[in-house]
PDB file of all heavy atoms in Angstrom:
ATOM      1  N   LEU A   1      -9.381   3.018   4.989  1.00  0.00           N
ATOM      2  CA  LEU A   1     -10.534   3.165   5.880  1.00  0.00           C
ATOM      3  C   LEU A   1     -10.127   2.710   7.248  1.00  0.00           C
ATOM      4  O   LEU A   1      -9.636   1.595   7.461  1.00  0.00           O
ATOM      5  CB  LEU A   1     -11.712   2.333   5.353  1.00  0.00           C
ATOM      6  CG  LEU A   1     -12.964   2.256   6.227  1.00  0.00           C
ATOM      7  CD1 LEU A   1     -13.575   3.657   6.374  1.00  0.00           C
ATOM      8  CD2 LEU A   1     -13.948   1.255   5.638  1.00  0.00           C
ATOM      9  N   VAL A   2     -10.427   3.569   8.238  1.00  0.00           N
ATOM     10  CA  VAL A   2     -10.102   3.248   9.628  1.00  0.00           C
ATOM     11  C   VAL A   2     -11.218   3.774  10.531  1.00  0.00           C
ATOM     12  O   VAL A   2     -11.889   4.760  10.187  1.00  0.00           O
ATOM     13  CB  VAL A   2      -8.775   3.882  10.005  1.00  0.00           C
ATOM     14  CG1 VAL A   2      -8.801   5.398   9.923  1.00  0.00           C
ATOM     15  CG2 VAL A   2      -8.269   3.412  11.355  1.00  0.00           C
ATOM     16  N   GLN A   3     -11.433   3.098  11.640  1.00  0.00           N
ATOM     17  CA  GLN A   3     -12.431   3.538  12.575  1.00  0.00           C
ATOM     18  C   GLN A   3     -11.974   4.674  13.435  1.00  0.00           C
ATOM     19  O   GLN A   3     -10.729   4.884  13.607  1.00  0.00           O
ATOM     20  CB  GLN A   3     -12.820   2.344  13.504  1.00  0.00           C
ATOM     21  CG  GLN A   3     -13.544   1.213  12.788  1.00  0.00           C
ATOM     22  CD  GLN A   3     -14.048   0.155  13.776  1.00  0.00           C
ATOM     23  OE1 GLN A   3     -13.558   0.070  14.923  1.00  0.00           O
ATOM     24  NE2 GLN A   3     -14.981  -0.665  13.349  1.00  0.00           N
ATOM     25  N   PRO A   4     -12.853   5.494  13.909  1.00  0.00           N
ATOM     26  CA  PRO A   4     -12.468   6.603  14.841  1.00  0.00           C
ATOM     27  C   PRO A   4     -11.637   6.042  15.975  1.00  0.00           C
ATOM     28  O   PRO A   4     -11.933   4.995  16.535  1.00  0.00           O
ATOM     29  CB  PRO A   4     -13.807   7.162  15.331  1.00  0.00           C
ATOM     30  CG  PRO A   4     -14.758   6.852  14.238  1.00  0.00           C
ATOM     31  CD  PRO A   4     -14.318   5.495  13.665  1.00  0.00           C
ATOM     32  N   GLY A   5     -10.567   6.797  16.281  1.00  0.00           N
ATOM     33  CA  GLY A   5      -9.605   6.338  17.314  1.00  0.00           C
ATOM     34  C   GLY A   5      -8.490   5.503  16.781  1.00  0.00           C
ATOM     35  O   GLY A   5      -7.540   5.228  17.529  1.00  0.00           O
ATOM     36  N   GLY A   6      -8.571   5.088  15.543  1.00  0.00           N
ATOM     37  CA  GLY A   6      -7.549   4.251  14.947  1.00  0.00           C
ATOM     38  C   GLY A   6      -6.362   5.026  14.457  1.00  0.00           C
ATOM     39  O   GLY A   6      -6.268   6.280  14.621  1.00  0.00           O
ATOM     40  N   SER A   7      -5.432   4.337  13.810  1.00  0.00           N
ATOM     41  CA  SER A   7      -4.206   4.895  13.332  1.00  0.00           C
ATOM     42  C   SER A   7      -3.905   4.506  11.888  1.00  0.00           C
ATOM     43  O   SER A   7      -4.322   3.405  11.454  1.00  0.00           O
ATOM     44  CB  SER A   7      -3.018   4.434  14.178  1.00  0.00           C
ATOM     45  OG  SER A   7      -3.168   4.853  15.549  1.00  0.00           O
ATOM     46  N   LEU A   8      -3.167   5.348  11.182  1.00  0.00           N
ATOM     47  CA  LEU A   8      -2.658   5.061   9.848  1.00  0.00           C
ATOM     48  C   LEU A   8      -1.321   5.737   9.746  1.00  0.00           C
ATOM     49  O   LEU A   8      -1.065   6.753  10.389  1.00  0.00           O
ATOM     50  CB  LEU A   8      -3.556   5.584   8.746  1.00  0.00           C
ATOM     51  CG  LEU A   8      -4.861   4.867   8.423  1.00  0.00           C
ATOM     52  CD1 LEU A   8      -5.661   5.690   7.413  1.00  0.00           C
ATOM     53  CD2 LEU A   8      -4.589   3.491   7.907  1.00  0.00           C
ATOM     54  N   ARG A   9      -0.483   5.132   8.909  1.00  0.00           N
ATOM     55  CA  ARG A   9       0.763   5.776   8.586  1.00  0.00           C
ATOM     56  C   ARG A   9       0.880   5.998   7.085  1.00  0.00           C
ATOM     57  O   ARG A   9       0.826   5.058   6.282  1.00  0.00           O
ATOM     58  CB  ARG A   9       1.981   4.995   9.049  1.00  0.00           C
ATOM     59  CG  ARG A   9       3.309   5.776   8.893  1.00  0.00           C
ATOM     60  CD  ARG A   9       4.500   5.064   9.439  1.00  0.00           C
ATOM     61  NE  ARG A   9       4.978   4.057   8.511  1.00  0.00           N
ATOM     62  CZ  ARG A   9       6.272   3.613   8.523  1.00  0.00           C
ATOM     63  NH1 ARG A   9       7.134   4.088   9.406  1.00  0.00           N
ATOM     64  NH2 ARG A   9       6.642   2.686   7.652  1.00  0.00           N
ATOM     65  N   LEU A  10       0.988   7.272   6.694  1.00  0.00           N
ATOM     66  CA  LEU A  10       1.130   7.599   5.259  1.00  0.00           C
ATOM     67  C   LEU A  10       2.629   7.719   4.945  1.00  0.00           C
ATOM     68  O   LEU A  10       3.438   8.141   5.750  1.00  0.00           O
ATOM     69  CB  LEU A  10       0.424   8.923   4.951  1.00  0.00           C
ATOM     70  CG  LEU A  10      -1.023   9.022   5.344  1.00  0.00           C
ATOM     71  CD1 LEU A  10      -1.574  10.375   4.885  1.00  0.00           C
ATOM     72  CD2 LEU A  10      -1.842   7.897   4.752  1.00  0.00           C
ATOM     73  N   SER A  11       2.927   7.361   3.661  1.00  0.00           N
ATOM     74  CA  SER A  11       4.299   7.503   3.199  1.00  0.00           C
ATOM     75  C   SER A  11       4.332   8.350   1.947  1.00  0.00           C
ATOM     76  O   SER A  11       3.397   8.294   1.122  1.00  0.00           O
ATOM     77  CB  SER A  11       4.878   6.102   2.857  1.00  0.00           C
ATOM     78  OG  SER A  11       4.916   5.292   4.010  1.00  0.00           O
ATOM     79  N   CYS A  12       5.364   9.125   1.767  1.00  0.00           N
ATOM     80  CA  CYS A  12       5.599   9.915   0.552  1.00  0.00           C
ATOM     81  C   CYS A  12       7.019   9.580   0.086  1.00  0.00           C
ATOM     82  O   CYS A  12       8.014   9.918   0.763  1.00  0.00           O
ATOM     83  CB  CYS A  12       5.453  11.374   0.847  1.00  0.00           C
ATOM     84  SG  CYS A  12       5.897  12.456  -0.529  1.00  0.00           S
ATOM     85  N   ALA A  13       7.099   8.871  -1.008  1.00  0.00           N
ATOM     86  CA  ALA A  13       8.399   8.423  -1.579  1.00  0.00           C
ATOM     87  C   ALA A  13       8.816   9.389  -2.694  1.00  0.00           C
ATOM     88  O   ALA A  13       8.047   9.720  -3.559  1.00  0.00           O
ATOM     89  CB  ALA A  13       8.301   7.029  -2.079  1.00  0.00           C
ATOM     90  N   GLY A  14      10.130   9.779  -2.623  1.00  0.00           N
ATOM     91  CA  GLY A  14      10.679  10.613  -3.646  1.00  0.00           C
ATOM     92  C   GLY A  14      12.032  10.131  -4.007  1.00  0.00           C
ATOM     93  O   GLY A  14      12.700   9.495  -3.198  1.00  0.00           O
ATOM     94  N   ALA A  15      12.472  10.436  -5.217  1.00  0.00           N
ATOM     95  CA  ALA A  15      13.767   9.910  -5.703  1.00  0.00           C
ATOM     96  C   ALA A  15      14.906  10.888  -5.393  1.00  0.00           C
ATOM     97  O   ALA A  15      14.649  12.087  -5.198  1.00  0.00           O
ATOM     98  CB  ALA A  15      13.701   9.662  -7.197  1.00  0.00           C
ATOM     99  N   GLY A  16      16.083  10.365  -5.356  1.00  0.00           N
ATOM    100  CA  GLY A  16      17.274  11.235  -5.290  1.00  0.00           C
ATOM    101  C   GLY A  16      17.492  11.969  -4.002  1.00  0.00           C
ATOM    102  O   GLY A  16      18.128  13.036  -4.000  1.00  0.00           O
ATOM    103  N   SER A  17      16.987  11.417  -2.907  1.00  0.00           N
ATOM    104  CA  SER A  17      17.175  12.071  -1.601  1.00  0.00           C
ATOM    105  C   SER A  17      16.698  13.513  -1.595  1.00  0.00           C
ATOM    106  O   SER A  17      17.307  14.342  -0.974  1.00  0.00           O
ATOM    107  CB  SER A  17      18.607  11.981  -1.155  1.00  0.00           C
ATOM    108  OG  SER A  17      19.080  10.662  -1.058  1.00  0.00           O
ATOM    109  N   ILE A  18      15.588  13.751  -2.317  1.00  0.00           N
ATOM    110  CA  ILE A  18      15.113  15.132  -2.441  1.00  0.00           C
ATOM    111  C   ILE A  18      14.788  15.753  -1.154  1.00  0.00           C
ATOM    112  O   ILE A  18      14.975  16.990  -0.950  1.00  0.00           O
ATOM    113  CB  ILE A  18      13.889  15.142  -3.392  1.00  0.00           C
ATOM    114  CG1 ILE A  18      13.465  16.580  -3.683  1.00  0.00           C
ATOM    115  CG2 ILE A  18      12.758  14.367  -2.806  1.00  0.00           C
ATOM    116  CD1 ILE A  18      12.419  16.719  -4.718  1.00  0.00           C
ATOM    117  N   PHE A  19      14.363  14.961  -0.176  1.00  0.00           N
ATOM    118  CA  PHE A  19      13.905  15.522   1.094  1.00  0.00           C
ATOM    119  C   PHE A  19      15.081  16.060   1.901  1.00  0.00           C
ATOM    120  O   PHE A  19      14.908  16.769   2.894  1.00  0.00           O
ATOM    121  CB  PHE A  19      13.143  14.461   1.884  1.00  0.00           C
ATOM    122  CG  PHE A  19      11.984  13.901   1.147  1.00  0.00           C
ATOM    123  CD1 PHE A  19      11.902  12.544   0.875  1.00  0.00           C
ATOM    124  CD2 PHE A  19      10.952  14.725   0.653  1.00  0.00           C
ATOM    125  CE1 PHE A  19      10.839  11.987   0.187  1.00  0.00           C
ATOM    126  CE2 PHE A  19       9.903  14.190  -0.035  1.00  0.00           C
ATOM    127  CZ  PHE A  19       9.827  12.811  -0.269  1.00  0.00           C
ATOM    128  N   ARG A  20      16.303  15.676   1.496  1.00  0.00           N
ATOM    129  CA  ARG A  20      17.470  16.177   2.199  1.00  0.00           C
ATOM    130  C   ARG A  20      17.665  17.686   1.963  1.00  0.00           C
ATOM    131  O   ARG A  20      18.205  18.404   2.806  1.00  0.00           O
ATOM    132  CB  ARG A  20      18.714  15.425   1.738  1.00  0.00           C
ATOM    133  CG  ARG A  20      20.045  15.939   2.246  1.00  0.00           C
ATOM    134  CD  ARG A  20      21.236  15.243   1.662  1.00  0.00           C
ATOM    135  NE  ARG A  20      21.171  13.775   1.904  1.00  0.00           N
ATOM    136  CZ  ARG A  20      22.018  12.929   1.379  1.00  0.00           C
ATOM    137  NH1 ARG A  20      22.993  13.310   0.581  1.00  0.00           N
ATOM    138  NH2 ARG A  20      21.918  11.663   1.676  1.00  0.00           N
ATOM    139  N   PHE A  21      17.202  18.119   0.799  1.00  0.00           N
ATOM    140  CA  PHE A  21      17.489  19.490   0.393  1.00  0.00           C
ATOM    141  C   PHE A  21      16.348  20.462   0.542  1.00  0.00           C
ATOM    142  O   PHE A  21      16.552  21.653   0.601  1.00  0.00           O
ATOM    143  CB  PHE A  21      17.965  19.495  -1.066  1.00  0.00           C
ATOM    144  CG  PHE A  21      19.146  18.616  -1.318  1.00  0.00           C
ATOM    145  CD1 PHE A  21      19.046  17.434  -2.005  1.00  0.00           C
ATOM    146  CD2 PHE A  21      20.376  18.986  -0.830  1.00  0.00           C
ATOM    147  CE1 PHE A  21      20.126  16.631  -2.244  1.00  0.00           C
ATOM    148  CE2 PHE A  21      21.473  18.172  -1.089  1.00  0.00           C
ATOM    149  CZ  PHE A  21      21.369  16.995  -1.763  1.00  0.00           C
ATOM    150  N   TYR A  22      15.128  19.935   0.595  1.00  0.00           N
ATOM    151  CA  TYR A  22      13.946  20.819   0.589  1.00  0.00           C
ATOM    152  C   TYR A  22      12.952  20.448   1.670  1.00  0.00           C
ATOM    153  O   TYR A  22      12.882  19.379   2.137  1.00  0.00           O
ATOM    154  CB  TYR A  22      13.233  20.700  -0.768  1.00  0.00           C
ATOM    155  CG  TYR A  22      14.134  20.994  -1.951  1.00  0.00           C
ATOM    156  CD1 TYR A  22      14.403  20.008  -2.895  1.00  0.00           C
ATOM    157  CD2 TYR A  22      14.693  22.257  -2.119  1.00  0.00           C
ATOM    158  CE1 TYR A  22      15.203  20.292  -3.958  1.00  0.00           C
ATOM    159  CE2 TYR A  22      15.517  22.509  -3.185  1.00  0.00           C
ATOM    160  CZ  TYR A  22      15.775  21.520  -4.119  1.00  0.00           C
ATOM    161  OH  TYR A  22      16.549  21.769  -5.198  1.00  0.00           O
ATOM    162  N   SER A  23      12.198  21.467   2.065  1.00  0.00           N
ATOM    163  CA  SER A  23      11.124  21.233   3.015  1.00  0.00           C
ATOM    164  C   SER A  23      10.010  20.416   2.391  1.00  0.00           C
ATOM    165  O   SER A  23       9.729  20.533   1.197  1.00  0.00           O
ATOM    166  CB  SER A  23      10.560  22.568   3.534  1.00  0.00           C
ATOM    167  OG  SER A  23      11.534  23.272   4.203  1.00  0.00           O
ATOM    168  N   THR A  24       9.364  19.596   3.175  1.00  0.00           N
ATOM    169  CA  THR A  24       8.278  18.758   2.716  1.00  0.00           C
ATOM    170  C   THR A  24       7.066  18.944   3.647  1.00  0.00           C
ATOM    171  O   THR A  24       7.246  19.178   4.835  1.00  0.00           O
ATOM    172  CB  THR A  24       8.666  17.264   2.773  1.00  0.00           C
ATOM    173  OG1 THR A  24       9.901  17.084   2.063  1.00  0.00           O
ATOM    174  CG2 THR A  24       7.608  16.375   2.156  1.00  0.00           C
ATOM    175  N   ALA A  25       5.906  18.852   3.084  1.00  0.00           N
ATOM    176  CA  ALA A  25       4.711  19.027   3.899  1.00  0.00           C
ATOM    177  C   ALA A  25       3.590  18.080   3.451  1.00  0.00           C
ATOM    178  O   ALA A  25       3.584  17.599   2.321  1.00  0.00           O
ATOM    179  CB  ALA A  25       4.201  20.488   3.770  1.00  0.00           C
ATOM    180  N   TRP A  26       2.725  17.810   4.372  1.00  0.00           N
ATOM    181  CA  TRP A  26       1.475  17.082   4.101  1.00  0.00           C
ATOM    182  C   TRP A  26       0.329  18.080   4.125  1.00  0.00           C
ATOM    183  O   TRP A  26       0.214  18.913   5.060  1.00  0.00           O
ATOM    184  CB  TRP A  26       1.211  15.972   5.096  1.00  0.00           C
ATOM    185  CG  TRP A  26       2.126  14.792   4.932  1.00  0.00           C
ATOM    186  CD1 TRP A  26       3.306  14.547   5.602  1.00  0.00           C
ATOM    187  CD2 TRP A  26       1.903  13.678   4.089  1.00  0.00           C
ATOM    188  NE1 TRP A  26       3.842  13.373   5.182  1.00  0.00           N
ATOM    189  CE2 TRP A  26       3.010  12.812   4.262  1.00  0.00           C
ATOM    190  CE3 TRP A  26       0.892  13.324   3.162  1.00  0.00           C
ATOM    191  CZ2 TRP A  26       3.113  11.607   3.566  1.00  0.00           C
ATOM    192  CZ3 TRP A  26       1.023  12.135   2.484  1.00  0.00           C
ATOM    193  CH2 TRP A  26       2.097  11.298   2.698  1.00  0.00           C
TER     194      TRP A  26
END
């Protein structure tokens, strides 16, 4: 929960360096 104007950082963790080989999206 954050107020308008605030910030958050989301993380997506995957194993085996998967992001090296494939596109990722939110």
